[in-house]
Amino acid sequence: MAKPLDGIRIADFSHVIAGPLATQFLNLLGAEVIKVEPPAGDPMRYYTRDPGRRGMAEPFVGANAGKKSVVLDLKTDTGRAAARDLVATADVVVENFRPGVADRLGLGPATLSAAHPSLICCSVSGFGQDGPLRDFPAIDQVIQSVSGLMLLSGHEGEAAERIGFPVVDTYSALLSAFAILSAVLQRERDPARRGQVIDVSMLDATMVMMSSVVVPMLLSGQEPVRAGNRGFSGAPTADTFPTADGEITIGAVQQVQVARLFRTLGCAELLEDARFATPDARLSHDAALRPLLVERFADRTAAEWEADLAAAGVPAGKVRPLNEAIEMEQLQGRDLFQDLPDGSRVLNAGFRFGRDGPGVASLAPELGADTEAVLASLRGRVDAG
């Protein structure tokens, strides 16, 4: 059986994270992704602290395994002509140039759609293809700042703090892949097989990602409160606590979960205390409750509490460093990681199919590894035409 996107060709003119990661999700589902790079290569090839990996940096490998690399100098007539020939064979074009650049190169959606009515064109940018900030340069952390995201973590009164990985790029990539998949399905259901023009703004995407705080603001003017590690519910029993050897996060938000938590901690009598008997009472007496819980959690390790609380039906998780989390038994055998031919491992799509699921079989391409073969195939098509 075929993967969902077998037979779909993507001409990928994007670089760094948001665009390449979007096409990587589609690549995992079977699309052929031809990555068009400038002579110097995608800058992400060099995002590494290991000099020996420059040109094949770890983040680049993760977002580009299984793709083909074609080097084209789009500043030249020859490069732009080859790009147009490539687009003529594609189902989807993805680019994340600054707004207006693709148009100047002759690769803008209006030009391409006029020449190829069935083409799906997706542009990913910081602020979108219109609006007063359209031409402002942006990267992940800039959008974290502009969007308000940096003032959601931490505690009130503290300095703004970025989330410690490119969360905006990652979510923008997911939203872009979702939009492209939707457009492919839309085209397949359209008797005229009309394509689509997709405009993905990283700022827009971040607002959608923050919907749990943006919508309350829209509906009632409710300001989000910076609450550190406190859960979204605000319950004092949904927080992170120190233990004998680290920290554990608890998610006891329902009354039955709180009762189970107190019993497991050996302090069931707290439910008989009027200060802690109900959710509102516990919230009002947070300052008195937390030290009591901290004292109990200090008796055992985070792993021990995690096992006991889970057995009791209380959401709980040991705070783990990434290297420990990756090795968790729970993550093994779920097709989350995929082994590449050179023995290295990268992430898969994060979901499984019952059959013909996501994955790639080849390494990330060396810069320009497929230029000759792809251009030769394009010449063959032109000659045949």
Protein backbone atom coordinates (compact mmCIF):
# COMPACT_ATOMS: atom_id res chain seq x y z
CA MET A 1 0.00 0.00 0.00
CA ALA A 2 1.06 3.59 -0.57
CA LYS A 3 1.67 6.28 2.00
CA PRO A 4 -0.92 9.08 2.04
CA LEU A 5 1.16 11.51 -0.02
CA ASP A 6 2.92 9.12 -2.40
CA GLY A 7 3.02 10.77 -5.82
CA ILE A 8 2.93 14.33 -4.44
CA ARG A 9 5.99 16.41 -5.35
CA ILE A 10 6.95 19.46 -3.28
CA ALA A 11 9.35 22.11 -4.50
CA ASP A 12 10.71 23.42 -1.22
CA PHE A 13 12.41 26.83 -1.36
CA SER A 14 12.34 27.26 2.42
CA HIS A 15 15.20 27.38 4.91
CA VAL A 16 16.03 27.13 8.63
CA ILE A 17 13.11 25.65 10.64
CA ALA A 18 9.47 26.57 10.00
CA GLY A 19 9.35 25.86 6.26
CA PRO A 20 11.66 22.82 6.19
CA LEU A 21 9.94 21.25 9.19
CA ALA A 22 6.56 21.75 7.50
CA THR A 23 7.75 19.91 4.41
CA GLN A 24 9.36 17.27 6.60
CA PHE A 25 5.98 16.32 8.04
CA LEU A 26 4.75 15.89 4.47
CA ASN A 27 7.90 14.01 3.53
CA LEU A 28 7.26 11.55 6.37
CA LEU A 29 3.85 10.90 4.84
CA GLY A 30 5.33 9.99 1.48
CA ALA A 31 5.67 13.25 -0.44
CA GLU A 32 8.77 13.71 -2.57
CA VAL A 33 10.42 16.88 -1.28
CA ILE A 34 13.00 18.56 -3.48
CA LYS A 35 14.87 21.03 -1.31
CA VAL A 36 16.17 23.98 -3.31
CA GLU A 37 19.24 25.54 -1.67
CA PRO A 38 21.49 28.46 -2.55
CA PRO A 39 25.13 27.69 -3.32
CA ALA A 40 26.08 28.24 0.34
CA GLY A 41 23.31 25.90 1.49
CA ASP A 42 20.50 26.24 4.01
CA PRO A 43 21.91 28.19 7.01
CA MET A 44 20.48 25.44 9.24
CA ARG A 45 23.23 23.14 7.93
CA TYR A 46 25.61 25.08 10.17
CA TYR A 47 23.52 25.38 13.37
CA THR A 48 25.76 23.19 15.51
CA ARG A 49 28.34 23.46 18.27
CA ASP A 50 30.28 20.56 16.79
CA PRO A 51 32.69 21.79 14.07
CA GLY A 52 32.78 18.29 12.62
CA ARG A 53 29.07 18.43 11.84
CA ARG A 54 29.03 21.76 10.02
CA GLY A 55 27.19 21.24 6.78
CA MET A 56 25.11 18.47 8.37
CA ALA A 57 24.13 20.03 11.69
CA GLU A 58 21.89 17.99 13.97
CA PRO A 59 18.77 20.20 13.60
CA PHE A 60 19.20 20.18 9.84
CA VAL A 61 19.35 16.38 9.72
CA GLY A 62 16.18 16.08 11.80
CA ALA A 63 14.20 18.38 9.51
CA ASN A 64 15.54 17.14 6.18
CA ALA A 65 16.15 13.39 6.30
CA GLY A 66 14.70 11.75 3.21
CA LYS A 67 14.64 14.87 1.06
CA LYS A 68 16.56 15.66 -2.12
CA SER A 69 18.89 18.66 -2.35
CA VAL A 70 19.20 20.76 -5.49
CA VAL A 71 21.47 23.80 -5.58
CA LEU A 72 20.16 26.71 -7.64
CA ASP A 73 21.44 30.27 -7.63
CA LEU A 74 18.20 32.19 -7.86
CA LYS A 75 20.15 35.41 -8.42
CA THR A 76 20.93 34.18 -11.94
CA ASP A 77 18.70 33.77 -14.97
CA THR A 78 19.78 30.15 -15.28
CA GLY A 79 18.89 29.39 -11.66
CA ARG A 80 15.49 31.03 -11.91
CA ALA A 81 14.74 29.22 -15.17
CA ALA A 82 15.58 25.88 -13.55
CA ALA A 83 13.39 26.79 -10.58
CA ARG A 84 10.47 27.47 -12.91
CA ASP A 85 11.04 24.14 -14.63
CA LEU A 86 11.01 22.41 -11.25
CA VAL A 87 7.81 24.17 -10.20
CA ALA A 88 6.17 22.99 -13.42
CA THR A 89 6.55 19.40 -12.18
CA ALA A 90 5.40 20.07 -8.62
CA ASP A 91 2.09 19.79 -6.82
CA VAL A 92 3.12 22.13 -4.00
CA VAL A 93 5.59 25.01 -3.65
CA VAL A 94 6.72 26.12 -0.21
CA GLU A 95 8.81 29.23 0.46
CA ASN A 96 9.70 31.35 3.47
CA PHE A 97 11.49 34.28 1.87
CA ARG A 98 10.77 37.73 3.19
CA PRO A 99 7.46 38.93 1.67
CA GLY A 100 8.01 40.27 -1.82
CA VAL A 101 11.22 38.33 -2.51
CA ALA A 102 9.47 35.42 -4.24
CA ASP A 103 7.64 37.91 -6.46
CA ARG A 104 10.91 39.59 -7.45
CA LEU A 105 12.34 36.18 -8.33
CA GLY A 106 9.37 35.38 -10.53
CA LEU A 107 8.28 32.70 -8.07
CA GLY A 108 5.44 34.50 -6.35
CA PRO A 109 2.06 32.78 -5.96
CA ALA A 110 0.27 35.02 -8.47
CA THR A 111 2.80 34.24 -11.20
CA LEU A 112 3.02 30.54 -10.43
CA SER A 113 -0.73 30.04 -10.05
CA ALA A 114 -1.38 31.77 -13.37
CA ALA A 115 1.04 29.40 -15.09
CA HIS A 116 -0.05 26.31 -13.15
CA PRO A 117 -3.69 26.58 -11.97
CA SER A 118 -3.52 23.31 -9.99
CA LEU A 119 -0.46 24.37 -8.00
CA ILE A 120 -0.63 24.81 -4.22
CA CYS A 121 1.59 27.69 -3.08
CA CYS A 122 2.42 28.09 0.61
CA SER A 123 4.29 31.13 1.92
CA VAL A 124 5.53 31.13 5.52
CA SER A 125 6.69 34.41 7.03
CA GLY A 126 6.97 36.19 10.33
CA PHE A 127 3.97 38.47 9.99
CA GLY A 128 2.18 37.39 6.82
CA GLN A 129 2.01 38.76 3.30
CA ASP A 130 0.19 41.98 4.22
CA GLY A 131 -0.26 44.37 7.14
CA PRO A 132 1.97 47.07 8.66
CA LEU A 133 4.58 44.59 9.92
CA ARG A 134 4.75 42.65 6.65
CA ASP A 135 8.33 43.67 5.85
CA PHE A 136 9.73 43.35 9.36
CA PRO A 137 12.32 40.57 9.67
CA ALA A 138 11.51 37.97 12.32
CA ILE A 139 12.72 34.76 13.87
CA ASP A 140 11.18 32.51 16.49
CA GLN A 141 12.19 34.47 19.58
CA VAL A 142 11.10 37.78 18.05
CA ILE A 143 7.61 36.37 17.50
CA GLN A 144 7.65 34.98 21.06
CA SER A 145 8.27 38.54 22.21
CA VAL A 146 5.81 40.37 19.94
CA SER A 147 2.97 37.89 20.52
CA GLY A 148 2.95 38.12 24.32
CA LEU A 149 4.17 34.53 24.68
CA MET A 150 7.27 35.57 26.64
CA LEU A 151 5.08 37.09 29.36
CA LEU A 152 3.06 33.92 29.97
CA SER A 153 5.76 31.86 31.69
CA GLY A 154 7.50 32.62 34.95
CA HIS A 155 6.00 34.66 37.78
CA GLU A 156 4.43 38.10 37.90
CA GLY A 157 7.04 40.83 38.13
CA GLU A 158 9.83 38.74 36.63
CA ALA A 159 11.58 39.63 33.39
CA ALA A 160 10.19 38.18 30.18
CA GLU A 161 11.55 34.76 29.29
CA ARG A 162 11.53 32.87 26.01
CA ILE A 163 10.46 29.26 25.85
CA GLY A 164 13.64 27.25 25.59
CA PHE A 165 13.20 25.78 22.09
CA PRO A 166 11.81 27.16 18.79
CA VAL A 167 8.19 26.57 19.73
CA VAL A 168 6.87 29.20 17.30
CA ASP A 169 8.76 27.68 14.38
CA THR A 170 7.56 24.22 15.33
CA TYR A 171 3.90 25.13 15.65
CA SER A 172 4.02 27.26 12.50
CA ALA A 173 5.44 24.23 10.68
CA LEU A 174 2.63 22.01 11.91
CA LEU A 175 0.01 24.57 10.92
CA SER A 176 1.62 24.96 7.50
CA ALA A 177 1.64 21.20 6.94
CA PHE A 178 -2.01 21.03 8.03
CA ALA A 179 -2.92 23.84 5.63
CA ILE A 180 -1.09 22.16 2.74
CA LEU A 181 -2.75 18.82 3.43
CA SER A 182 -6.13 20.57 3.52
CA ALA A 183 -5.41 22.27 0.19
CA VAL A 184 -4.35 18.96 -1.40
CA LEU A 185 -7.62 17.36 -0.27
CA GLN A 186 -9.58 20.40 -1.47
CA ARG A 187 -7.96 20.18 -4.90
CA GLU A 188 -8.62 16.46 -5.19
CA ARG A 189 -12.33 17.07 -4.51
CA ASP A 190 -12.54 19.98 -6.98
CA PRO A 191 -13.61 18.86 -10.49
CA ALA A 192 -11.49 21.69 -11.91
CA ARG A 193 -8.52 20.70 -9.70
CA ARG A 194 -7.87 24.29 -8.74
CA GLY A 195 -4.87 24.95 -6.57
CA GLN A 196 -4.62 27.23 -3.57
CA VAL A 197 -2.55 30.10 -2.18
CA ILE A 198 -1.68 29.69 1.50
CA ASP A 199 -0.37 32.54 3.66
CA VAL A 200 1.02 31.36 7.01
CA SER A 201 2.07 34.03 9.49
CA MET A 202 4.17 32.91 12.45
CA LEU A 203 2.48 35.62 14.54
CA ASP A 204 -0.98 34.37 13.55
CA ALA A 205 0.07 30.80 14.29
CA THR A 206 1.34 31.77 17.72
CA MET A 207 -1.98 33.39 18.57
CA VAL A 208 -3.74 30.15 17.64
CA MET A 209 -1.22 28.18 19.70
CA MET A 210 -2.09 30.41 22.68
CA SER A 211 -5.86 30.01 22.18
CA SER A 212 -6.41 28.95 25.78
CA VAL A 213 -5.41 32.43 26.92
CA VAL A 214 -6.25 34.46 23.81
CA VAL A 215 -9.93 33.43 23.70
CA PRO A 216 -10.64 34.39 27.36
CA MET A 217 -9.06 37.76 26.56
CA LEU A 218 -11.29 38.16 23.49
CA LEU A 219 -14.49 37.09 25.24
CA SER A 220 -14.16 38.71 28.65
CA GLY A 221 -10.97 40.76 28.75
CA GLN A 222 -9.50 38.21 31.16
CA GLU A 223 -5.77 38.81 31.52
CA PRO A 224 -3.55 35.73 31.79
CA VAL A 225 -1.72 35.42 35.09
CA ARG A 226 1.90 34.34 35.20
CA ALA A 227 1.89 31.46 37.62
CA GLY A 228 5.24 29.73 37.22
CA ASN A 229 4.77 25.97 37.32
CA ARG A 230 1.18 26.19 38.53
CA GLY A 231 -1.20 24.40 36.18
CA PHE A 232 -3.68 26.18 33.96
CA SER A 233 -6.50 25.36 36.40
CA GLY A 234 -4.81 27.45 39.09
CA ALA A 235 -5.33 24.70 41.65
CA PRO A 236 -2.58 24.57 44.33
CA THR A 237 -2.59 20.78 43.91
CA ALA A 238 -1.62 21.20 40.23
CA ASP A 239 1.94 22.36 40.68
CA THR A 240 5.55 21.24 40.89
CA PHE A 241 7.05 20.15 44.19
CA PRO A 242 10.55 19.26 45.41
CA THR A 243 11.12 15.66 46.48
CA ALA A 244 14.00 13.76 48.08
CA ASP A 245 15.94 13.75 44.81
CA GLY A 246 14.41 16.19 42.35
CA GLU A 247 11.00 17.55 41.47
CA ILE A 248 7.61 16.16 40.55
CA THR A 249 4.64 17.79 38.87
CA ILE A 250 1.15 16.97 40.13
CA GLY A 251 -2.09 17.50 38.23
CA ALA A 252 -4.77 16.94 40.89
CA VAL A 253 -7.54 19.27 39.69
CA GLN A 254 -10.68 17.26 40.41
CA GLN A 255 -11.94 16.75 43.97
CA VAL A 256 -11.58 12.98 43.69
CA GLN A 257 -7.98 13.40 42.53
CA VAL A 258 -7.20 15.69 45.45
CA ALA A 259 -8.62 13.12 47.85
CA ARG A 260 -6.43 10.43 46.29
CA LEU A 261 -3.41 12.73 46.46
CA PHE A 262 -3.90 13.44 50.15
CA ARG A 263 -4.43 9.75 50.93
CA THR A 264 -1.30 8.72 49.02
CA LEU A 265 0.73 11.38 50.80
CA GLY A 266 -0.57 10.14 54.14
CA CYS A 267 -2.45 13.31 54.98
CA ALA A 268 -6.07 12.41 54.27
CA GLU A 269 -7.07 14.43 57.33
CA LEU A 270 -6.49 17.61 55.32
CA LEU A 271 -9.85 17.04 53.62
CA GLU A 272 -11.48 17.43 57.04
CA ASP A 273 -9.83 20.83 57.45
CA ALA A 274 -12.19 23.55 56.27
CA ARG A 275 -9.26 25.43 54.72
CA PHE A 276 -8.54 22.56 52.32
CA ALA A 277 -11.87 20.77 51.93
CA THR A 278 -13.00 22.41 48.67
CA PRO A 279 -11.31 23.82 45.57
CA ASP A 280 -12.16 27.42 46.49
CA ALA A 281 -10.97 26.92 50.06
CA ARG A 282 -7.68 25.40 48.93
CA LEU A 283 -7.09 28.27 46.53
CA SER A 284 -7.79 30.81 49.26
CA HIS A 285 -5.39 29.05 51.65
CA ASP A 286 -2.69 28.20 49.13
CA ALA A 287 0.05 29.69 51.31
CA ALA A 288 -0.88 27.36 54.17
CA LEU A 289 -1.36 24.22 52.02
CA ARG A 290 1.84 24.26 49.99
CA PRO A 291 4.28 23.88 52.91
CA LEU A 292 2.32 20.87 54.15
CA LEU A 293 2.55 19.20 50.75
CA VAL A 294 6.22 20.11 50.36
CA GLU A 295 6.96 18.44 53.69
CA ARG A 296 5.25 15.22 52.58
CA PHE A 297 6.89 15.09 49.16
CA ALA A 298 10.34 15.44 50.75
CA ASP A 299 10.06 11.95 52.24
CA ARG A 300 10.55 10.02 48.98
CA THR A 301 12.05 10.29 45.51
CA ALA A 302 10.25 11.71 42.51
CA ALA A 303 10.20 8.31 40.79
CA GLU A 304 8.65 6.65 43.84
CA TRP A 305 5.96 9.28 44.16
CA GLU A 306 5.30 9.14 40.41
CA ALA A 307 4.61 5.39 40.53
CA ASP A 308 2.46 5.54 43.67
CA LEU A 309 0.40 8.51 42.57
CA ALA A 310 -0.21 7.07 39.11
CA ALA A 311 -1.35 3.82 40.73
CA ALA A 312 -3.75 5.86 42.85
CA GLY A 313 -5.18 7.62 39.79
CA VAL A 314 -3.47 10.97 40.32
CA PRO A 315 -1.78 12.62 37.30
CA ALA A 316 1.88 12.96 38.27
CA GLY A 317 5.20 13.13 36.46
CA LYS A 318 8.79 13.28 37.57
CA VAL A 319 10.63 16.31 36.20
CA ARG A 320 13.15 14.70 33.87
CA PRO A 321 16.09 16.05 31.89
CA LEU A 322 15.79 15.48 28.17
CA ASN A 323 18.42 12.74 28.02
CA GLU A 324 16.48 10.73 30.59
CA ALA A 325 13.13 11.40 28.93
CA ILE A 326 14.39 10.12 25.56
CA GLU A 327 15.35 6.81 27.14
CA MET A 328 12.01 6.22 28.85
CA GLU A 329 10.68 2.73 28.17
CA GLN A 330 7.33 4.26 27.31
CA LEU A 331 8.80 5.92 24.21
CA GLN A 332 10.42 2.78 22.85
CA GLY A 333 8.64 0.63 20.26
CA ARG A 334 6.16 3.35 19.31
CA ASP A 335 7.79 4.37 16.01
CA LEU A 336 8.62 7.73 17.56
CA PHE A 337 12.28 7.37 16.67
CA GLN A 338 13.51 6.14 13.32
CA ASP A 339 16.90 4.67 12.55
CA LEU A 340 18.63 6.04 9.48
CA PRO A 341 20.93 3.97 7.26
CA ASP A 342 24.07 5.34 8.93
CA GLY A 343 22.89 4.19 12.36
CA SER A 344 21.79 7.63 13.55
CA ARG A 345 18.33 8.27 14.99
CA VAL A 346 15.90 11.08 14.36
CA LEU A 347 12.31 11.74 15.32
CA ASN A 348 9.37 10.47 13.31
CA ALA A 349 6.01 12.22 12.94
CA GLY A 350 4.78 11.64 16.50
CA PHE A 351 1.80 9.49 15.50
CA ARG A 352 1.33 5.95 14.23
CA PHE A 353 -0.83 4.44 11.51
CA GLY A 354 -2.11 0.91 11.62
CA ARG A 355 -0.40 0.43 8.25
CA ASP A 356 1.78 2.38 5.82
CA GLY A 357 2.65 4.95 8.42
CA PRO A 358 5.04 7.89 8.42
CA GLY A 359 8.79 7.59 8.07
CA VAL A 360 11.76 8.04 5.76
CA ALA A 361 14.38 5.61 4.54
CA SER A 362 17.27 7.87 3.56
CA LEU A 363 19.65 10.33 5.17
CA ALA A 364 19.48 14.09 4.99
CA PRO A 365 21.05 15.05 1.65
CA GLU A 366 24.49 16.49 1.23
CA LEU A 367 24.35 19.97 -0.26
CA GLY A 368 23.41 19.66 -3.94
CA ALA A 369 23.53 15.87 -3.89
CA ASP A 370 20.58 15.59 -6.30
CA THR A 371 21.14 18.65 -8.48
CA GLU A 372 22.39 16.81 -11.55
CA ALA A 373 19.79 14.04 -11.45
CA VAL A 374 16.83 16.35 -10.83
CA LEU A 375 17.87 18.90 -13.46
CA ALA A 376 18.47 16.11 -15.97
CA SER A 377 14.97 14.79 -15.33
CA LEU A 378 13.56 18.29 -15.84
CA ARG A 379 15.40 18.65 -19.14
CA GLY A 380 13.99 15.29 -20.15
CA ARG A 381 10.48 16.48 -19.44
CA VAL A 382 11.03 19.68 -21.38
CA ASP A 383 12.45 17.76 -24.34
CA ALA A 384 9.55 15.30 -24.21
CA GLY A 385 7.11 18.19 -24.12
